[in-house]
Amino acid sequence: MSKTILIVDDSRDLRTMVKAYMEQEGYCVLTAANGKLALEITHTVQPDLILLDLMMPEMDGYEFIRQFAREHDTPIIVLTAKPDENDKILGLELGADDYVTKPFSPRELTARVRAVLRRFAKANADSELIQLDGLTLNHQTRQVMVNDQLVNLTPSEFDLLAVLMREPGRVFSRMDLLERIQGHAYEGYERTIDVHIRNLRTKIEPEPGSPTYVETVYGVGYRLGVSR
């Protein structure tokens, strides 16, 4: 069964172009001109992935993520023409999984889409239950418990924690983690890992400023602590 992709962008030309490329890849494609219309679509159709512009009229991408992520864990790839890295980082902090900067090549975009969908499908198919030092991660339900309290993670945060929990004590570089959770590792995108780590810590650490689960190994990367 083909996956459904929702394209949300106020540019009709871009929606038409991306829709054509995605359909060539065999995806079922829906489109919306702004976040408000996109939310209406998701009330009746559950897309497998969303390609989301940030700057749109009526409801921008940031507000769409805020509202949509309250009830869904659908992966989101942000499409942004804004050169300021802070805008991309904000999208990730709100719950997006990846971003592509406009103008982008259709080949790069389709590669990102395939990678995110493949990663999400693999995680959903894995029924492994991992328990460690008060953390419980269930692949089948995609739920995480911290000391028996359920925490709400985005798809990228969940997959990042799963990578770290499978090999506690192992140090992963940012590029290693990008490859593991996104299926690719592009130079210049390492900062996305720092954002996901920061968000993850606010949700699972008793004191995010002094993390005891997800540790920083300065000059190298991150690891899951094995002694608490």
N, C-alpha and C. Protein backbone atom coordinates (compact mmCIF):
# COMPACT_ATOMS: atom_id res chain seq x y z
N MET A 1 0.85 -1.19 0.00
CA MET A 1 0.00 0.00 0.00
C MET A 1 0.88 1.24 0.00
N SER A 2 0.61 2.19 -0.89
CA SER A 2 1.47 3.37 -1.00
C SER A 2 1.30 4.28 0.19
N LYS A 3 2.39 4.95 0.56
CA LYS A 3 2.37 5.90 1.67
C LYS A 3 1.74 7.21 1.21
N THR A 4 1.14 7.90 2.17
CA THR A 4 0.50 9.18 1.88
C THR A 4 1.36 10.32 2.41
N ILE A 5 1.64 11.29 1.54
CA ILE A 5 2.45 12.45 1.91
C ILE A 5 1.59 13.70 1.77
N LEU A 6 1.64 14.53 2.79
CA LEU A 6 0.93 15.81 2.77
C LEU A 6 1.94 16.93 2.56
N ILE A 7 1.77 17.70 1.48
CA ILE A 7 2.64 18.84 1.17
C ILE A 7 1.91 20.11 1.59
N VAL A 8 2.55 20.89 2.47
CA VAL A 8 1.94 22.12 2.97
C VAL A 8 2.85 23.29 2.62
N ASP A 9 2.41 24.10 1.66
CA ASP A 9 3.23 25.22 1.19
C ASP A 9 2.31 26.21 0.49
N ASP A 10 2.57 27.51 0.69
CA ASP A 10 1.68 28.50 0.07
C ASP A 10 2.02 28.76 -1.39
N SER A 11 3.11 28.18 -1.89
CA SER A 11 3.47 28.34 -3.30
C SER A 11 2.82 27.23 -4.12
N ARG A 12 1.90 27.62 -5.01
CA ARG A 12 1.25 26.62 -5.86
C ARG A 12 2.25 25.92 -6.76
N ASP A 13 3.21 26.68 -7.29
CA ASP A 13 4.21 26.09 -8.18
C ASP A 13 5.03 25.04 -7.45
N LEU A 14 5.43 25.35 -6.20
CA LEU A 14 6.21 24.36 -5.45
C LEU A 14 5.38 23.14 -5.13
N ARG A 15 4.13 23.34 -4.73
CA ARG A 15 3.27 22.19 -4.43
C ARG A 15 3.12 21.30 -5.66
N THR A 16 2.92 21.92 -6.81
CA THR A 16 2.75 21.16 -8.04
C THR A 16 4.01 20.37 -8.39
N MET A 17 5.17 21.04 -8.26
CA MET A 17 6.42 20.39 -8.58
C MET A 17 6.70 19.21 -7.66
N VAL A 18 6.60 19.45 -6.35
CA VAL A 18 6.92 18.39 -5.39
C VAL A 18 5.90 17.26 -5.50
N LYS A 19 4.64 17.60 -5.72
CA LYS A 19 3.61 16.57 -5.88
C LYS A 19 3.94 15.66 -7.05
N ALA A 20 4.40 16.25 -8.15
CA ALA A 20 4.74 15.45 -9.33
C ALA A 20 5.89 14.48 -9.04
N TYR A 21 6.92 14.98 -8.36
CA TYR A 21 8.06 14.12 -8.03
C TYR A 21 7.67 13.02 -7.04
N MET A 22 6.87 13.35 -6.05
CA MET A 22 6.47 12.35 -5.07
C MET A 22 5.59 11.27 -5.71
N GLU A 23 4.71 11.69 -6.62
CA GLU A 23 3.86 10.71 -7.30
C GLU A 23 4.69 9.80 -8.21
N GLN A 24 5.76 10.35 -8.79
CA GLN A 24 6.67 9.51 -9.59
C GLN A 24 7.32 8.43 -8.73
N GLU A 25 7.49 8.74 -7.44
CA GLU A 25 8.08 7.77 -6.52
C GLU A 25 7.05 6.77 -6.00
N GLY A 26 5.79 6.95 -6.40
CA GLY A 26 4.75 6.00 -6.02
C GLY A 26 3.94 6.38 -4.79
N TYR A 27 4.12 7.61 -4.31
CA TYR A 27 3.39 8.04 -3.13
C TYR A 27 2.02 8.62 -3.50
N CYS A 28 1.07 8.49 -2.58
CA CYS A 28 -0.20 9.19 -2.69
C CYS A 28 0.02 10.57 -2.07
N VAL A 29 -0.37 11.64 -2.77
CA VAL A 29 0.00 12.99 -2.34
C VAL A 29 -1.25 13.86 -2.13
N LEU A 30 -1.27 14.54 -0.98
CA LEU A 30 -2.26 15.55 -0.68
C LEU A 30 -1.55 16.89 -0.54
N THR A 31 -2.25 17.99 -0.79
CA THR A 31 -1.61 19.30 -0.68
C THR A 31 -2.51 20.27 0.09
N ALA A 32 -1.87 21.26 0.69
CA ALA A 32 -2.58 22.33 1.39
C ALA A 32 -1.76 23.60 1.27
N ALA A 33 -2.44 24.75 1.21
CA ALA A 33 -1.77 26.03 1.00
C ALA A 33 -1.34 26.70 2.30
N ASN A 34 -1.80 26.20 3.43
CA ASN A 34 -1.39 26.77 4.72
C ASN A 34 -1.66 25.77 5.84
N GLY A 35 -1.20 26.11 7.03
CA GLY A 35 -1.35 25.19 8.15
C GLY A 35 -2.78 24.93 8.54
N LYS A 36 -3.64 25.93 8.42
CA LYS A 36 -5.04 25.75 8.79
C LYS A 36 -5.72 24.71 7.92
N LEU A 37 -5.50 24.80 6.60
CA LEU A 37 -6.08 23.82 5.69
C LEU A 37 -5.46 22.44 5.92
N ALA A 38 -4.18 22.41 6.26
CA ALA A 38 -3.52 21.14 6.52
C ALA A 38 -4.12 20.45 7.74
N LEU A 39 -4.40 21.21 8.79
CA LEU A 39 -5.02 20.62 9.98
C LEU A 39 -6.38 20.04 9.65
N GLU A 40 -7.15 20.73 8.80
CA GLU A 40 -8.47 20.22 8.40
C GLU A 40 -8.33 18.89 7.68
N ILE A 41 -7.32 18.79 6.83
CA ILE A 41 -7.09 17.53 6.11
C ILE A 41 -6.77 16.40 7.08
N THR A 42 -5.91 16.69 8.07
CA THR A 42 -5.48 15.64 9.00
C THR A 42 -6.59 15.20 9.96
N HIS A 43 -7.70 15.92 9.97
CA HIS A 43 -8.84 15.47 10.78
C HIS A 43 -9.53 14.27 10.14
N THR A 44 -9.36 14.11 8.83
CA THR A 44 -10.02 13.01 8.13
C THR A 44 -9.03 12.02 7.50
N VAL A 45 -7.81 12.46 7.23
CA VAL A 45 -6.79 11.60 6.62
C VAL A 45 -5.52 11.66 7.47
N GLN A 46 -4.94 10.50 7.76
CA GLN A 46 -3.70 10.46 8.53
C GLN A 46 -2.53 10.24 7.58
N PRO A 47 -1.77 11.30 7.24
CA PRO A 47 -0.64 11.12 6.33
C PRO A 47 0.48 10.34 7.01
N ASP A 48 1.33 9.73 6.21
CA ASP A 48 2.49 9.01 6.74
C ASP A 48 3.68 9.94 6.94
N LEU A 49 3.68 11.07 6.25
CA LEU A 49 4.76 12.05 6.36
C LEU A 49 4.25 13.40 5.88
N ILE A 50 4.76 14.47 6.48
CA ILE A 50 4.36 15.82 6.09
C ILE A 50 5.58 16.62 5.66
N LEU A 51 5.48 17.26 4.49
CA LEU A 51 6.47 18.21 4.02
C LEU A 51 5.90 19.60 4.28
N LEU A 52 6.55 20.37 5.14
CA LEU A 52 5.93 21.56 5.70
C LEU A 52 6.76 22.82 5.50
N ASP A 53 6.17 23.80 4.81
CA ASP A 53 6.78 25.13 4.72
C ASP A 53 6.60 25.83 6.07
N LEU A 54 7.49 26.77 6.38
CA LEU A 54 7.38 27.49 7.65
C LEU A 54 6.60 28.79 7.52
N MET A 55 6.88 29.56 6.47
CA MET A 55 6.27 30.88 6.33
C MET A 55 5.07 30.80 5.40
N MET A 56 3.86 30.85 5.99
CA MET A 56 2.62 30.76 5.22
C MET A 56 1.58 31.69 5.82
N PRO A 57 0.60 32.12 5.03
CA PRO A 57 -0.48 32.96 5.58
C PRO A 57 -1.47 32.13 6.39
N GLU A 58 -2.28 32.82 7.19
CA GLU A 58 -3.35 32.25 8.00
C GLU A 58 -2.83 31.40 9.16
N MET A 59 -2.02 30.39 8.86
CA MET A 59 -1.35 29.63 9.91
C MET A 59 -0.01 29.17 9.38
N ASP A 60 1.08 29.60 10.03
CA ASP A 60 2.40 29.24 9.54
C ASP A 60 2.79 27.83 10.01
N GLY A 61 3.96 27.39 9.57
CA GLY A 61 4.40 26.05 9.90
C GLY A 61 4.65 25.82 11.37
N TYR A 62 5.14 26.85 12.05
CA TYR A 62 5.40 26.72 13.48
C TYR A 62 4.12 26.41 14.26
N GLU A 63 3.06 27.18 13.97
CA GLU A 63 1.80 26.97 14.69
C GLU A 63 1.18 25.63 14.31
N PHE A 64 1.35 25.24 13.05
CA PHE A 64 0.83 23.93 12.63
C PHE A 64 1.48 22.83 13.46
N ILE A 65 2.81 22.87 13.61
CA ILE A 65 3.50 21.84 14.39
C ILE A 65 3.00 21.84 15.83
N ARG A 66 2.87 23.03 16.42
CA ARG A 66 2.40 23.12 17.81
C ARG A 66 1.07 22.40 17.99
N GLN A 67 0.14 22.64 17.08
CA GLN A 67 -1.18 22.05 17.22
C GLN A 67 -1.21 20.58 16.81
N PHE A 68 -0.55 20.26 15.71
CA PHE A 68 -0.60 18.90 15.19
C PHE A 68 0.12 17.91 16.11
N ALA A 69 1.27 18.32 16.65
CA ALA A 69 2.09 17.40 17.44
C ALA A 69 1.46 17.04 18.79
N ARG A 70 0.41 17.76 19.20
CA ARG A 70 -0.25 17.43 20.45
C ARG A 70 -0.89 16.05 20.41
N GLU A 71 -1.33 15.62 19.23
CA GLU A 71 -2.08 14.37 19.12
C GLU A 71 -1.49 13.38 18.14
N HIS A 72 -0.43 13.78 17.41
CA HIS A 72 0.12 12.89 16.38
C HIS A 72 1.64 12.81 16.49
N ASP A 73 2.18 11.67 16.04
CA ASP A 73 3.63 11.53 15.99
C ASP A 73 4.13 11.33 14.56
N THR A 74 3.33 11.80 13.60
CA THR A 74 3.70 11.71 12.18
C THR A 74 5.01 12.46 11.93
N PRO A 75 5.96 11.86 11.22
CA PRO A 75 7.21 12.57 10.94
C PRO A 75 6.98 13.78 10.03
N ILE A 76 7.73 14.85 10.31
CA ILE A 76 7.62 16.11 9.57
C ILE A 76 8.98 16.54 9.07
N ILE A 77 9.05 16.86 7.78
CA ILE A 77 10.26 17.45 7.19
C ILE A 77 9.93 18.90 6.86
N VAL A 78 10.68 19.81 7.45
CA VAL A 78 10.45 21.23 7.23
C VAL A 78 11.11 21.69 5.94
N LEU A 79 10.37 22.47 5.16
CA LEU A 79 10.91 23.10 3.95
C LEU A 79 11.07 24.59 4.25
N THR A 80 12.28 25.10 4.21
CA THR A 80 12.46 26.49 4.59
C THR A 80 13.38 27.23 3.62
N ALA A 81 13.00 28.47 3.31
CA ALA A 81 13.83 29.34 2.48
C ALA A 81 14.57 30.35 3.34
N LYS A 82 14.34 30.32 4.65
CA LYS A 82 14.95 31.30 5.53
C LYS A 82 16.40 30.91 5.83
N PRO A 83 17.33 31.83 5.61
CA PRO A 83 18.74 31.51 5.81
C PRO A 83 19.15 31.42 7.28
N ASP A 84 18.36 32.00 8.17
CA ASP A 84 18.71 32.02 9.58
C ASP A 84 18.58 30.62 10.18
N GLU A 85 19.68 30.09 10.69
CA GLU A 85 19.66 28.74 11.26
C GLU A 85 18.71 28.63 12.43
N ASN A 86 18.48 29.74 13.15
CA ASN A 86 17.59 29.69 14.31
C ASN A 86 16.18 29.29 13.92
N ASP A 87 15.75 29.68 12.71
CA ASP A 87 14.41 29.32 12.27
C ASP A 87 14.30 27.81 12.05
N LYS A 88 15.36 27.23 11.50
CA LYS A 88 15.36 25.78 11.31
C LYS A 88 15.37 25.07 12.66
N ILE A 89 16.20 25.58 13.58
CA ILE A 89 16.30 24.98 14.89
C ILE A 89 14.98 25.04 15.64
N LEU A 90 14.26 26.16 15.50
CA LEU A 90 12.96 26.29 16.15
C LEU A 90 12.00 25.23 15.64
N GLY A 91 12.01 24.98 14.33
CA GLY A 91 11.16 23.92 13.78
C GLY A 91 11.47 22.57 14.40
N LEU A 92 12.76 22.28 14.57
CA LEU A 92 13.15 21.02 15.18
C LEU A 92 12.75 20.97 16.65
N GLU A 93 12.91 22.09 17.34
CA GLU A 93 12.54 22.13 18.75
C GLU A 93 11.05 21.89 18.96
N LEU A 94 10.24 22.32 18.00
CA LEU A 94 8.80 22.13 18.12
C LEU A 94 8.37 20.70 17.80
N GLY A 95 9.25 19.95 17.13
CA GLY A 95 8.91 18.55 16.86
C GLY A 95 9.15 18.05 15.46
N ALA A 96 9.67 18.90 14.56
CA ALA A 96 10.00 18.42 13.22
C ALA A 96 11.17 17.44 13.29
N ASP A 97 11.27 16.56 12.31
CA ASP A 97 12.30 15.53 12.32
C ASP A 97 13.51 15.88 11.46
N ASP A 98 13.32 16.69 10.45
CA ASP A 98 14.41 17.01 9.53
C ASP A 98 14.03 18.30 8.82
N TYR A 99 14.98 18.90 8.12
CA TYR A 99 14.66 20.08 7.32
C TYR A 99 15.45 20.07 6.03
N VAL A 100 14.88 20.70 5.02
CA VAL A 100 15.52 20.86 3.72
C VAL A 100 15.43 22.34 3.36
N THR A 101 16.54 22.92 2.96
CA THR A 101 16.59 24.34 2.65
C THR A 101 16.29 24.58 1.17
N LYS A 102 15.36 25.52 0.92
CA LYS A 102 15.04 25.92 -0.45
C LYS A 102 16.14 26.84 -0.98
N PRO A 103 16.47 26.77 -2.27
CA PRO A 103 15.98 25.78 -3.24
C PRO A 103 16.66 24.43 -3.01
N PHE A 104 15.93 23.36 -3.20
CA PHE A 104 16.46 22.02 -3.00
C PHE A 104 16.31 21.24 -4.29
N SER A 105 17.10 20.20 -4.42
CA SER A 105 16.97 19.34 -5.59
C SER A 105 15.91 18.28 -5.31
N PRO A 106 15.09 17.93 -6.28
CA PRO A 106 14.10 16.87 -6.07
C PRO A 106 14.74 15.56 -5.62
N ARG A 107 15.96 15.32 -6.10
CA ARG A 107 16.64 14.09 -5.72
C ARG A 107 16.95 14.07 -4.22
N GLU A 108 17.41 15.22 -3.70
CA GLU A 108 17.69 15.28 -2.27
C GLU A 108 16.41 15.11 -1.46
N LEU A 109 15.35 15.78 -1.88
CA LEU A 109 14.10 15.71 -1.13
C LEU A 109 13.54 14.29 -1.11
N THR A 110 13.53 13.63 -2.25
CA THR A 110 12.99 12.26 -2.29
C THR A 110 13.86 11.32 -1.45
N ALA A 111 15.18 11.57 -1.42
CA ALA A 111 16.06 10.74 -0.59
C ALA A 111 15.73 10.93 0.89
N ARG A 112 15.47 12.18 1.28
CA ARG A 112 15.12 12.44 2.68
C ARG A 112 13.80 11.78 3.03
N VAL A 113 12.83 11.88 2.14
CA VAL A 113 11.52 11.28 2.39
C VAL A 113 11.64 9.77 2.56
N ARG A 114 12.37 9.13 1.65
CA ARG A 114 12.55 7.67 1.74
C ARG A 114 13.22 7.28 3.05
N ALA A 115 14.25 8.05 3.42
CA ALA A 115 15.00 7.72 4.64
C ALA A 115 14.13 7.84 5.88
N VAL A 116 13.36 8.92 5.98
CA VAL A 116 12.52 9.12 7.16
C VAL A 116 11.42 8.05 7.23
N LEU A 117 10.79 7.76 6.11
CA LEU A 117 9.74 6.73 6.10
C LEU A 117 10.31 5.35 6.43
N ARG A 118 11.48 5.06 5.90
CA ARG A 118 12.12 3.76 6.17
C ARG A 118 12.45 3.63 7.65
N ARG A 119 12.98 4.69 8.22
CA ARG A 119 13.34 4.67 9.65
C ARG A 119 12.09 4.51 10.51
N PHE A 120 11.05 5.23 10.16
CA PHE A 120 9.82 5.19 10.96
C PHE A 120 9.17 3.81 10.87
N ALA A 121 9.17 3.22 9.68
CA ALA A 121 8.57 1.89 9.50
C ALA A 121 9.36 0.84 10.26
N LYS A 122 10.68 0.94 10.24
CA LYS A 122 11.53 -0.02 10.95
C LYS A 122 11.27 0.05 12.45
N ALA A 123 11.17 1.26 12.97
CA ALA A 123 10.94 1.42 14.40
C ALA A 123 9.57 0.86 14.80
N ASN A 124 8.57 1.08 13.95
CA ASN A 124 7.22 0.59 14.25
C ASN A 124 7.15 -0.93 14.21
N ALA A 125 7.99 -1.55 13.36
CA ALA A 125 7.96 -3.00 13.21
C ALA A 125 8.72 -3.72 14.31
N ASP A 126 9.51 -3.00 15.05
CA ASP A 126 10.35 -3.59 16.10
C ASP A 126 9.55 -3.69 17.40
N SER A 127 9.40 -4.91 17.92
CA SER A 127 8.62 -5.10 19.14
C SER A 127 9.50 -5.16 20.38
N GLU A 128 10.76 -4.83 20.25
CA GLU A 128 11.70 -4.94 21.35
C GLU A 128 11.34 -3.99 22.49
N LEU A 129 11.46 -4.50 23.71
CA LEU A 129 11.27 -3.69 24.91
C LEU A 129 12.63 -3.53 25.58
N ILE A 130 13.05 -2.29 25.78
CA ILE A 130 14.34 -2.01 26.41
C ILE A 130 14.10 -1.32 27.74
N GLN A 131 14.72 -1.84 28.80
CA GLN A 131 14.60 -1.26 30.12
C GLN A 131 15.98 -1.02 30.70
N LEU A 132 16.18 0.17 31.24
CA LEU A 132 17.49 0.50 31.79
C LEU A 132 17.38 1.68 32.76
N ASP A 133 17.74 1.43 34.02
CA ASP A 133 17.84 2.49 35.01
C ASP A 133 16.63 3.42 35.06
N GLY A 134 15.45 2.82 35.13
CA GLY A 134 14.24 3.64 35.23
C GLY A 134 13.65 4.06 33.91
N LEU A 135 14.36 3.80 32.81
CA LEU A 135 13.85 4.10 31.47
C LEU A 135 13.28 2.83 30.86
N THR A 136 12.10 2.94 30.26
CA THR A 136 11.50 1.82 29.53
C THR A 136 11.09 2.31 28.16
N LEU A 137 11.60 1.65 27.13
CA LEU A 137 11.30 2.04 25.75
C LEU A 137 10.65 0.86 25.05
N ASN A 138 9.44 1.08 24.54
CA ASN A 138 8.67 0.03 23.87
C ASN A 138 8.55 0.37 22.39
N HIS A 139 9.21 -0.41 21.55
CA HIS A 139 9.18 -0.14 20.11
C HIS A 139 7.80 -0.38 19.52
N GLN A 140 7.11 -1.37 20.04
CA GLN A 140 5.82 -1.72 19.45
C GLN A 140 4.80 -0.61 19.63
N THR A 141 4.77 -0.02 20.82
CA THR A 141 3.82 1.07 21.09
C THR A 141 4.44 2.44 20.89
N ARG A 142 5.76 2.47 20.69
CA ARG A 142 6.52 3.73 20.57
C ARG A 142 6.25 4.64 21.78
N GLN A 143 6.29 4.00 22.94
CA GLN A 143 6.12 4.74 24.18
C GLN A 143 7.38 4.65 25.03
N VAL A 144 7.63 5.69 25.79
CA VAL A 144 8.75 5.74 26.71
C VAL A 144 8.23 6.09 28.09
N MET A 145 8.70 5.33 29.08
CA MET A 145 8.33 5.59 30.47
C MET A 145 9.59 5.97 31.23
N VAL A 146 9.49 6.98 32.07
CA VAL A 146 10.57 7.35 32.97
C VAL A 146 10.06 7.19 34.38
N ASN A 147 10.60 6.18 35.08
CA ASN A 147 10.12 5.86 36.43
C ASN A 147 8.60 5.72 36.46
N ASP A 148 8.10 4.93 35.49
CA ASP A 148 6.67 4.60 35.36
C ASP A 148 5.80 5.77 34.95
N GLN A 149 6.41 6.87 34.53
CA GLN A 149 5.66 8.02 34.03
C GLN A 149 5.83 8.12 32.52
N LEU A 150 4.71 8.15 31.80
CA LEU A 150 4.76 8.24 30.34
C LEU A 150 5.25 9.61 29.91
N VAL A 151 6.19 9.64 28.95
CA VAL A 151 6.65 10.90 28.38
C VAL A 151 6.36 10.90 26.89
N ASN A 152 6.04 12.06 26.36
CA ASN A 152 5.66 12.20 24.96
C ASN A 152 6.85 12.66 24.14
N LEU A 153 7.38 11.78 23.28
CA LEU A 153 8.54 12.09 22.46
C LEU A 153 8.14 12.21 21.00
N THR A 154 8.84 13.06 20.25
CA THR A 154 8.66 13.11 18.81
C THR A 154 9.30 11.87 18.19
N PRO A 155 9.00 11.56 16.92
CA PRO A 155 9.62 10.40 16.29
C PRO A 155 11.14 10.43 16.35
N SER A 156 11.75 11.57 16.09
CA SER A 156 13.22 11.65 16.11
C SER A 156 13.77 11.48 17.51
N GLU A 157 13.10 12.05 18.50
CA GLU A 157 13.55 11.90 19.88
C GLU A 157 13.46 10.44 20.31
N PHE A 158 12.37 9.78 19.93
CA PHE A 158 12.21 8.36 20.26
C PHE A 158 13.32 7.53 19.62
N ASP A 159 13.56 7.74 18.33
CA ASP A 159 14.56 6.95 17.63
C ASP A 159 15.96 7.23 18.16
N LEU A 160 16.23 8.46 18.52
CA LEU A 160 17.53 8.82 19.08
C LEU A 160 17.75 8.11 20.41
N LEU A 161 16.74 8.13 21.28
CA LEU A 161 16.86 7.44 22.56
C LEU A 161 17.02 5.93 22.35
N ALA A 162 16.31 5.38 21.37
CA ALA A 162 16.42 3.94 21.09
C ALA A 162 17.84 3.57 20.70
N VAL A 163 18.47 4.38 19.86
CA VAL A 163 19.86 4.12 19.46
C VAL A 163 20.77 4.10 20.68
N LEU A 164 20.63 5.09 21.54
CA LEU A 164 21.49 5.19 22.71
C LEU A 164 21.23 4.05 23.70
N MET A 165 19.95 3.66 23.87
CA MET A 165 19.62 2.63 24.84
C MET A 165 20.04 1.24 24.39
N ARG A 166 20.12 1.04 23.08
CA ARG A 166 20.55 -0.29 22.60
C ARG A 166 22.01 -0.56 22.95
N GLU A 167 22.81 0.49 23.06
CA GLU A 167 24.24 0.31 23.35
C GLU A 167 24.66 1.30 24.44
N PRO A 168 24.19 1.09 25.65
CA PRO A 168 24.53 2.02 26.74
C PRO A 168 26.04 2.05 26.97
N GLY A 169 26.55 3.25 27.17
CA GLY A 169 27.96 3.43 27.39
C GLY A 169 28.76 3.70 26.13
N ARG A 170 28.21 3.34 24.97
CA ARG A 170 28.92 3.60 23.72
C ARG A 170 28.80 5.08 23.36
N VAL A 171 29.90 5.65 22.91
CA VAL A 171 29.89 7.05 22.51
C VAL A 171 29.60 7.14 21.02
N PHE A 172 28.57 7.93 20.68
CA PHE A 172 28.20 8.14 19.29
C PHE A 172 28.54 9.58 18.90
N SER A 173 29.18 9.75 17.76
CA SER A 173 29.39 11.10 17.24
C SER A 173 28.07 11.63 16.70
N ARG A 174 27.99 12.93 16.47
CA ARG A 174 26.78 13.51 15.90
C ARG A 174 26.48 12.92 14.53
N MET A 175 27.51 12.73 13.73
CA MET A 175 27.32 12.16 12.40
C MET A 175 26.83 10.72 12.49
N ASP A 176 27.33 9.96 13.48
CA ASP A 176 26.85 8.59 13.69
C ASP A 176 25.36 8.59 13.99
N LEU A 177 24.94 9.50 14.87
CA LEU A 177 23.54 9.56 15.27
C LEU A 177 22.65 10.01 14.11
N LEU A 178 23.13 10.97 13.32
CA LEU A 178 22.36 11.38 12.14
C LEU A 178 22.14 10.21 11.20
N GLU A 179 23.20 9.44 10.98
CA GLU A 179 23.09 8.28 10.08
C GLU A 179 22.11 7.26 10.64
N ARG A 180 22.16 7.03 11.95
CA ARG A 180 21.29 6.03 12.57
C ARG A 180 19.82 6.43 12.54
N ILE A 181 19.51 7.71 12.81
CA ILE A 181 18.10 8.08 12.94
C ILE A 181 17.50 8.64 11.66
N GLN A 182 18.35 9.09 10.70
CA GLN A 182 17.80 9.67 9.47
C GLN A 182 18.17 8.87 8.23
N GLY A 183 19.11 7.94 8.35
CA GLY A 183 19.51 7.15 7.20
C GLY A 183 20.50 7.86 6.30
N HIS A 184 20.94 9.05 6.71
CA HIS A 184 21.94 9.79 5.97
C HIS A 184 22.60 10.76 6.94
N ALA A 185 23.77 11.25 6.58
CA ALA A 185 24.49 12.19 7.44
C ALA A 185 25.13 13.25 6.57
N TYR A 186 24.47 14.38 6.44
CA TYR A 186 24.97 15.48 5.63
C TYR A 186 25.80 16.43 6.48
N GLU A 187 26.95 16.83 5.96
CA GLU A 187 27.76 17.82 6.64
C GLU A 187 26.93 19.09 6.84
N GLY A 188 27.06 19.67 8.02
CA GLY A 188 26.33 20.90 8.30
C GLY A 188 25.02 20.67 9.01
N TYR A 189 24.59 19.40 9.11
CA TYR A 189 23.31 19.10 9.77
C TYR A 189 23.51 18.53 11.17
N GLU A 190 24.77 18.51 11.66
CA GLU A 190 25.03 17.95 12.97
C GLU A 190 24.27 18.69 14.07
N ARG A 191 24.01 19.97 13.85
CA ARG A 191 23.33 20.78 14.86
C ARG A 191 21.94 20.22 15.18
N THR A 192 21.33 19.54 14.23
CA THR A 192 20.01 18.97 14.49
C THR A 192 20.05 17.97 15.64
N ILE A 193 21.15 17.24 15.76
CA ILE A 193 21.29 16.28 16.84
C ILE A 193 21.32 17.00 18.18
N ASP A 194 22.04 18.11 18.26
CA ASP A 194 22.10 18.88 19.51
C ASP A 194 20.71 19.34 19.93
N VAL A 195 19.90 19.75 18.96
CA VAL A 195 18.54 20.19 19.28
C VAL A 195 17.70 19.03 19.80
N HIS A 196 17.76 17.89 19.11
CA HIS A 196 17.00 16.72 19.55
C HIS A 196 17.45 16.26 20.95
N ILE A 197 18.76 16.30 21.19
CA ILE A 197 19.28 15.91 22.50
C ILE A 197 18.76 16.85 23.58
N ARG A 198 18.80 18.15 23.31
CA ARG A 198 18.31 19.12 24.29
C ARG A 198 16.83 18.89 24.59
N ASN A 199 16.04 18.67 23.54
CA ASN A 199 14.61 18.41 23.74
C ASN A 199 14.39 17.11 24.53
N LEU A 200 15.15 16.08 24.18
CA LEU A 200 15.03 14.79 24.85
C LEU A 200 15.35 14.93 26.34
N ARG A 201 16.39 15.67 26.65
CA ARG A 201 16.77 15.84 28.06
C ARG A 201 15.68 16.53 28.87
N THR A 202 15.00 17.52 28.27
CA THR A 202 13.95 18.22 29.01
C THR A 202 12.80 17.28 29.35
N LYS A 203 12.68 16.18 28.62
CA LYS A 203 11.56 15.27 28.83
C LYS A 203 11.89 14.07 29.73
N ILE A 204 13.17 13.65 29.74
CA ILE A 204 13.50 12.43 30.49
C ILE A 204 14.43 12.65 31.68
N GLU A 205 15.11 13.78 31.72
CA GLU A 205 16.08 14.00 32.78
C GLU A 205 15.42 14.67 34.00
N PRO A 206 15.73 14.21 35.22
CA PRO A 206 15.23 14.91 36.41
C PRO A 206 15.72 16.35 36.45
N GLU A 207 16.97 16.58 36.05
CA GLU A 207 17.54 17.91 35.97
C GLU A 207 18.22 18.05 34.61
N PRO A 208 17.51 18.58 33.60
CA PRO A 208 18.07 18.66 32.25
C PRO A 208 19.41 19.39 32.17
N GLY A 209 19.64 20.35 33.08
CA GLY A 209 20.91 21.07 33.06
C GLY A 209 22.07 20.24 33.56
N SER A 210 21.77 19.17 34.28
CA SER A 210 22.81 18.24 34.77
C SER A 210 22.38 16.83 34.42
N PRO A 211 22.44 16.47 33.13
CA PRO A 211 21.89 15.18 32.67
C PRO A 211 22.61 13.98 33.25
N THR A 212 21.83 12.97 33.60
CA THR A 212 22.39 11.72 34.10
C THR A 212 22.10 10.54 33.18
N TYR A 213 21.15 10.70 32.26
CA TYR A 213 20.88 9.67 31.28
C TYR A 213 21.71 9.91 30.02
N VAL A 214 21.42 11.00 29.32
CA VAL A 214 22.11 11.29 28.06
C VAL A 214 23.30 12.21 28.36
N GLU A 215 24.48 11.63 28.32
CA GLU A 215 25.69 12.35 28.70
C GLU A 215 26.41 12.91 27.48
N THR A 216 27.01 14.07 27.64
CA THR A 216 27.86 14.66 26.60
C THR A 216 29.29 14.20 26.81
N VAL A 217 29.91 13.70 25.76
CA VAL A 217 31.33 13.39 25.77
C VAL A 217 32.00 14.47 24.94
N TYR A 218 32.56 15.43 25.60
CA TYR A 218 33.03 16.65 24.95
C TYR A 218 34.06 16.35 23.86
N GLY A 219 33.82 16.97 22.72
CA GLY A 219 34.70 16.79 21.59
C GLY A 219 34.41 15.55 20.77
N VAL A 220 33.47 14.74 21.25
CA VAL A 220 33.16 13.48 20.54
C VAL A 220 31.68 13.40 20.19
N GLY A 221 30.81 13.37 21.21
CA GLY A 221 29.38 13.23 20.93
C GLY A 221 28.59 12.94 22.19
N TYR A 222 27.76 11.88 22.14
CA TYR A 222 26.85 11.58 23.25
C TYR A 222 26.83 10.07 23.54
N ARG A 223 26.44 9.76 24.76
CA ARG A 223 26.25 8.36 25.16
C ARG A 223 25.17 8.29 26.22
N LEU A 224 24.62 7.09 26.39
CA LEU A 224 23.69 6.86 27.48
C LEU A 224 24.50 6.38 28.69
N GLY A 225 24.37 7.11 29.80
CA GLY A 225 25.13 6.76 31.00
C GLY A 225 24.77 5.39 31.51
N VAL A 226 25.75 4.65 31.99
CA VAL A 226 25.53 3.29 32.48
C VAL A 226 25.61 3.21 34.00
N SER A 227 26.02 4.26 34.66
CA SER A 227 26.08 4.24 36.13
C SER A 227 25.37 5.48 36.65
N ARG A 228 24.35 5.26 37.45
CA ARG A 228 23.56 6.38 37.98
C ARG A 228 23.53 6.31 39.50
